[in-house]
Amino acid sequence: MRLFILSDDTSYHITKNSDCNTLTLHEWRIIRHAHVIRLRYGEDITIQIGNTRYLWVVDQLDRATLTIAIHSSQLQPPSCADKPITMAIALPNTGNKLDMIVEKLTEVGVHHIIFFSAERSQIRTLEDKKLYRLHILAIEAAEQSHRWTIPTIQYIQHIHDVLSVDGSKVIFDKEATWTMPHEATIWLVWPEWWWSPSELQQMEPIACVTLWEHILRMETAAIVGGWTLAQHSTT
């Protein structure tokens, strides 16, 4: 069943109709997807508002609105005691890799994603427009995977600001000898051309772990690392 996620503030997304039995959605992203997947009258969909999911039936879909009929069922979120996972990732060399990293980390269950500019990063900054686009990608990935929460996405310019964020930190290091799991709350992933000497010096006190016996691309390391941490956070 198709899942759509709305924010807690639904005042600008939903209109209650006079018949008291239907609601009309105005959220452009949901309307677009409804047309793409060709929703039809009578089909069931799930709408998540905040921490609650509701079952609805499609009543009408037009160019700018989706009208849904109220369904009696209501789904509550499962209890979740997972340890929050934060991935701090050096900016990759293409925007497409950014999109893939956010999409996959959302699907595997990472809670917070921080991007930062390493000395050897080719992309030097993240504009607000791109951050907004990444947030939309995270919502769509959460809908596709039926995940209850959407990860936060943040850009921090310098690695020393990342290192000053509260929390125990660990570096994913292709040459480390330690293996997972390791107690930490923030995990750092290297840039394409590896850490610079000055960055390594700043990170000297931080523990290192390895993910794989082979050398991984940074985007692969981010996704594999996020999945591995998600598995350990539930055990």
Protein backbone atom coordinates (compact mmCIF):
# COMPACT_ATOMS: atom_id res chain seq x y z
CA MET A 1 0.00 0.00 0.00
CA ARG A 2 1.29 3.46 -0.93
CA LEU A 3 2.47 5.64 1.97
CA PHE A 4 2.55 9.45 1.93
CA ILE A 5 4.10 11.49 4.75
CA LEU A 6 2.92 14.94 5.81
CA SER A 7 4.49 17.22 8.39
CA ASP A 8 2.85 17.87 11.75
CA ASP A 9 1.59 21.24 10.49
CA THR A 10 -1.17 20.17 8.13
CA SER A 11 -3.00 23.50 7.93
CA TYR A 12 -1.69 24.27 4.46
CA HIS A 13 -1.87 20.67 3.20
CA ILE A 14 -5.45 19.60 3.97
CA THR A 15 -8.96 21.01 3.61
CA LYS A 16 -11.86 19.43 5.52
CA ASN A 17 -14.82 19.19 3.17
CA SER A 18 -18.40 20.14 4.04
CA ASP A 19 -19.65 16.56 3.81
CA CYS A 20 -17.48 15.74 6.88
CA ASN A 21 -16.52 12.43 5.28
CA THR A 22 -13.73 13.50 2.95
CA LEU A 23 -10.52 15.53 3.03
CA THR A 24 -8.80 17.28 0.14
CA LEU A 25 -4.98 17.28 -0.05
CA HIS A 26 -3.16 20.19 -1.71
CA GLU A 27 0.45 19.07 -1.13
CA TRP A 28 2.14 19.34 -4.55
CA ARG A 29 4.56 16.45 -3.98
CA ILE A 30 1.77 14.01 -3.11
CA ILE A 31 -0.39 15.17 -6.03
CA ARG A 32 2.53 14.66 -8.43
CA HIS A 33 3.19 11.13 -7.16
CA ALA A 34 -0.49 10.27 -7.21
CA HIS A 35 -0.55 11.07 -10.94
CA VAL A 36 2.72 9.21 -11.59
CA ILE A 37 1.45 5.98 -10.01
CA ARG A 38 -2.04 6.59 -11.45
CA LEU A 39 -4.10 6.36 -8.30
CA ARG A 40 -7.70 5.43 -9.03
CA TYR A 41 -11.04 5.79 -7.28
CA GLY A 42 -11.45 3.25 -4.49
CA GLU A 43 -7.74 2.52 -3.98
CA ASP A 44 -6.41 2.41 -0.40
CA ILE A 45 -3.55 4.69 0.64
CA THR A 46 -1.82 5.44 3.95
CA ILE A 47 -1.22 9.01 5.12
CA GLN A 48 1.26 9.66 7.95
CA ILE A 49 0.73 12.88 9.90
CA GLY A 50 3.35 13.34 12.59
CA ASN A 51 3.65 10.02 14.44
CA THR A 52 0.33 8.50 13.35
CA ARG A 53 -0.68 6.70 10.16
CA TYR A 54 -4.23 6.64 8.85
CA LEU A 55 -5.86 4.50 6.17
CA TRP A 56 -7.86 6.34 3.50
CA VAL A 57 -9.68 5.55 0.27
CA VAL A 58 -9.15 7.62 -2.89
CA ASP A 59 -12.32 9.51 -3.79
CA GLN A 60 -11.13 11.85 -6.56
CA LEU A 61 -7.87 12.96 -8.15
CA ASP A 62 -7.59 16.01 -10.36
CA ARG A 63 -4.75 18.22 -11.56
CA ALA A 64 -4.12 20.05 -8.28
CA THR A 65 -5.93 18.13 -5.53
CA LEU A 66 -6.49 14.65 -4.15
CA THR A 67 -9.72 13.94 -2.30
CA ILE A 68 -9.74 11.00 0.11
CA ALA A 69 -12.56 9.38 2.05
CA ILE A 70 -12.16 8.74 5.76
CA HIS A 71 -11.41 5.14 6.70
CA SER A 72 -12.10 3.74 10.12
CA SER A 73 -8.68 2.15 10.64
CA GLN A 74 -5.80 3.91 12.33
CA LEU A 75 -2.21 2.70 12.75
CA GLN A 76 0.06 3.68 15.62
CA PRO A 77 3.86 3.71 15.39
CA PRO A 78 5.72 0.76 16.91
CA SER A 79 7.80 1.29 20.03
CA CYS A 80 11.36 2.11 19.06
CA ALA A 81 14.36 2.11 21.38
CA ASP A 82 17.05 2.29 18.71
CA LYS A 83 20.25 4.22 19.49
CA PRO A 84 20.30 7.34 17.28
CA ILE A 85 22.82 7.05 14.44
CA THR A 86 24.65 10.10 13.07
CA MET A 87 26.75 9.87 9.89
CA ALA A 88 29.13 12.78 9.20
CA ILE A 89 30.18 12.50 5.56
CA ALA A 90 32.68 14.53 3.55
CA LEU A 91 31.05 16.03 0.46
CA PRO A 92 31.44 13.70 -2.56
CA ASN A 93 32.54 14.89 -5.98
CA THR A 94 29.08 14.85 -7.63
CA GLY A 95 25.54 15.83 -6.71
CA ASN A 96 24.27 12.43 -7.81
CA LYS A 97 26.32 10.77 -5.07
CA LEU A 98 24.78 13.14 -2.53
CA ASP A 99 21.31 12.05 -3.64
CA MET A 100 22.18 8.36 -3.47
CA ILE A 101 23.77 8.64 -0.03
CA VAL A 102 20.73 10.42 1.45
CA GLU A 103 18.29 8.01 -0.18
CA LYS A 104 20.06 4.86 0.98
CA LEU A 105 20.90 6.08 4.49
CA THR A 106 17.23 6.97 4.94
CA GLU A 107 16.17 3.50 3.83
CA VAL A 108 18.57 1.70 6.19
CA GLY A 109 17.55 3.77 9.23
CA VAL A 110 20.15 6.49 9.90
CA HIS A 111 18.73 9.27 12.11
CA HIS A 112 21.02 12.24 11.36
CA ILE A 113 23.11 13.03 8.28
CA ILE A 114 25.82 15.70 8.39
CA PHE A 115 27.71 16.75 5.27
CA PHE A 116 30.91 18.77 5.61
CA SER A 117 33.64 20.18 3.36
CA ALA A 118 36.90 18.29 3.70
CA GLU A 119 40.10 19.85 2.41
CA ARG A 120 40.04 17.53 -0.61
CA SER A 121 36.32 17.79 -1.33
CA GLN A 122 35.57 18.96 -4.86
CA ILE A 123 32.13 20.26 -3.91
CA ARG A 124 32.89 23.08 -1.49
CA THR A 125 29.46 23.96 -0.11
CA LEU A 126 25.79 22.97 -0.02
CA GLU A 127 23.29 25.67 -0.93
CA ASP A 128 19.92 25.89 0.85
CA LYS A 129 18.16 24.87 -2.37
CA LYS A 130 20.16 21.62 -2.53
CA LEU A 131 19.57 20.92 1.17
CA TYR A 132 15.83 21.31 0.57
CA ARG A 133 16.03 18.91 -2.37
CA LEU A 134 17.87 16.38 -0.20
CA HIS A 135 15.15 16.71 2.44
CA ILE A 136 12.49 15.92 -0.17
CA LEU A 137 14.53 12.89 -1.27
CA ALA A 138 14.67 11.72 2.35
CA ILE A 139 10.87 12.02 2.67
CA GLU A 140 10.35 10.02 -0.53
CA ALA A 141 12.83 7.36 0.60
CA ALA A 142 11.03 7.10 3.96
CA GLU A 143 7.72 6.68 2.12
CA GLN A 144 9.14 4.02 -0.18
CA SER A 145 10.63 2.04 2.72
CA HIS A 146 7.67 2.70 5.08
CA ARG A 147 10.03 4.19 7.64
CA TRP A 148 8.40 6.10 10.51
CA THR A 149 10.94 8.92 10.88
CA ILE A 150 12.76 11.20 8.46
CA PRO A 151 16.46 11.83 9.08
CA THR A 152 17.70 15.35 9.70
CA ILE A 153 20.14 16.66 7.06
CA GLN A 154 22.67 19.32 7.98
CA TYR A 155 25.64 21.02 6.34
CA ILE A 156 28.66 22.03 8.43
CA GLN A 157 31.43 23.82 6.55
CA HIS A 158 34.60 22.72 8.37
CA ILE A 159 35.67 19.43 9.90
CA HIS A 160 36.77 21.13 13.13
CA ASP A 161 33.15 22.23 13.60
CA VAL A 162 32.04 18.62 13.06
CA LEU A 163 34.56 17.45 15.65
CA SER A 164 33.14 19.97 18.14
CA VAL A 165 29.61 18.50 17.90
CA ASP A 166 28.64 16.73 21.10
CA GLY A 167 28.96 12.95 20.96
CA SER A 168 31.52 10.16 20.85
CA LYS A 169 33.12 9.96 17.39
CA VAL A 170 34.64 7.16 15.34
CA ILE A 171 36.32 7.32 11.92
CA PHE A 172 35.68 4.81 9.19
CA ASP A 173 39.25 4.11 8.11
CA LYS A 174 40.14 1.83 5.19
CA GLU A 175 43.45 0.96 6.86
CA ALA A 176 42.20 0.44 10.43
CA THR A 177 42.45 -2.89 12.20
CA TRP A 178 39.45 -2.58 14.52
CA THR A 179 36.12 -3.96 13.36
CA MET A 180 32.48 -3.28 14.12
CA PRO A 181 30.73 -2.83 16.46
CA HIS A 182 32.16 0.12 18.36
CA GLU A 183 30.34 2.37 20.82
CA ALA A 184 29.89 5.80 19.26
CA THR A 185 27.19 8.27 18.26
CA ILE A 186 28.89 10.08 15.33
CA TRP A 187 30.69 8.26 12.52
CA LEU A 188 32.91 10.12 10.05
CA VAL A 189 33.33 9.03 6.42
CA TRP A 190 36.37 10.10 4.38
CA PRO A 191 36.38 12.25 1.20
CA GLU A 192 37.16 10.88 -2.27
CA TRP A 193 40.91 11.56 -2.08
CA TRP A 194 41.28 10.57 1.56
CA TRP A 195 41.94 12.79 4.57
CA SER A 196 44.57 15.51 4.36
CA PRO A 197 47.55 15.40 6.79
CA SER A 198 46.09 18.30 8.81
CA GLU A 199 42.72 16.54 9.10
CA LEU A 200 44.38 13.35 10.26
CA GLN A 201 46.24 15.35 12.86
CA GLN A 202 43.00 16.88 14.15
CA MET A 203 41.44 13.41 14.38
CA GLU A 204 44.36 11.64 16.07
CA PRO A 205 42.58 10.99 19.39
CA ILE A 206 39.54 9.48 17.63
CA ALA A 207 39.19 5.70 17.35
CA CYS A 208 39.21 4.09 13.90
CA VAL A 209 37.28 1.09 12.59
CA THR A 210 37.32 -0.71 9.27
CA LEU A 211 34.25 -1.77 7.33
CA TRP A 212 35.60 -4.24 4.82
CA GLU A 213 38.73 -6.11 3.84
CA HIS A 214 38.85 -4.21 0.53
CA ILE A 215 39.07 -0.47 -0.14
CA LEU A 216 35.59 1.03 -0.55
CA ARG A 217 34.53 4.14 -2.40
CA MET A 218 33.39 6.82 0.03
CA GLU A 219 29.73 6.60 -1.04
CA THR A 220 29.85 2.82 -0.60
CA ALA A 221 31.46 3.25 2.82
CA ALA A 222 28.72 5.67 3.88
CA ILE A 223 25.93 3.27 2.88
CA VAL A 224 27.59 0.09 4.21
CA GLY A 225 28.53 1.91 7.42
CA GLY A 226 25.01 3.24 7.91
CA TRP A 227 23.47 -0.19 7.38
CA THR A 228 25.97 -1.86 9.75
CA LEU A 229 25.30 0.72 12.46
CA ALA A 230 21.53 0.35 12.01
CA GLN A 231 21.83 -3.40 12.56
CA HIS A 232 23.85 -2.93 15.75
CA SER A 233 21.57 -0.20 17.08
CA THR A 234 18.68 -2.67 17.32
CA THR A 235 20.62 -5.40 19.11
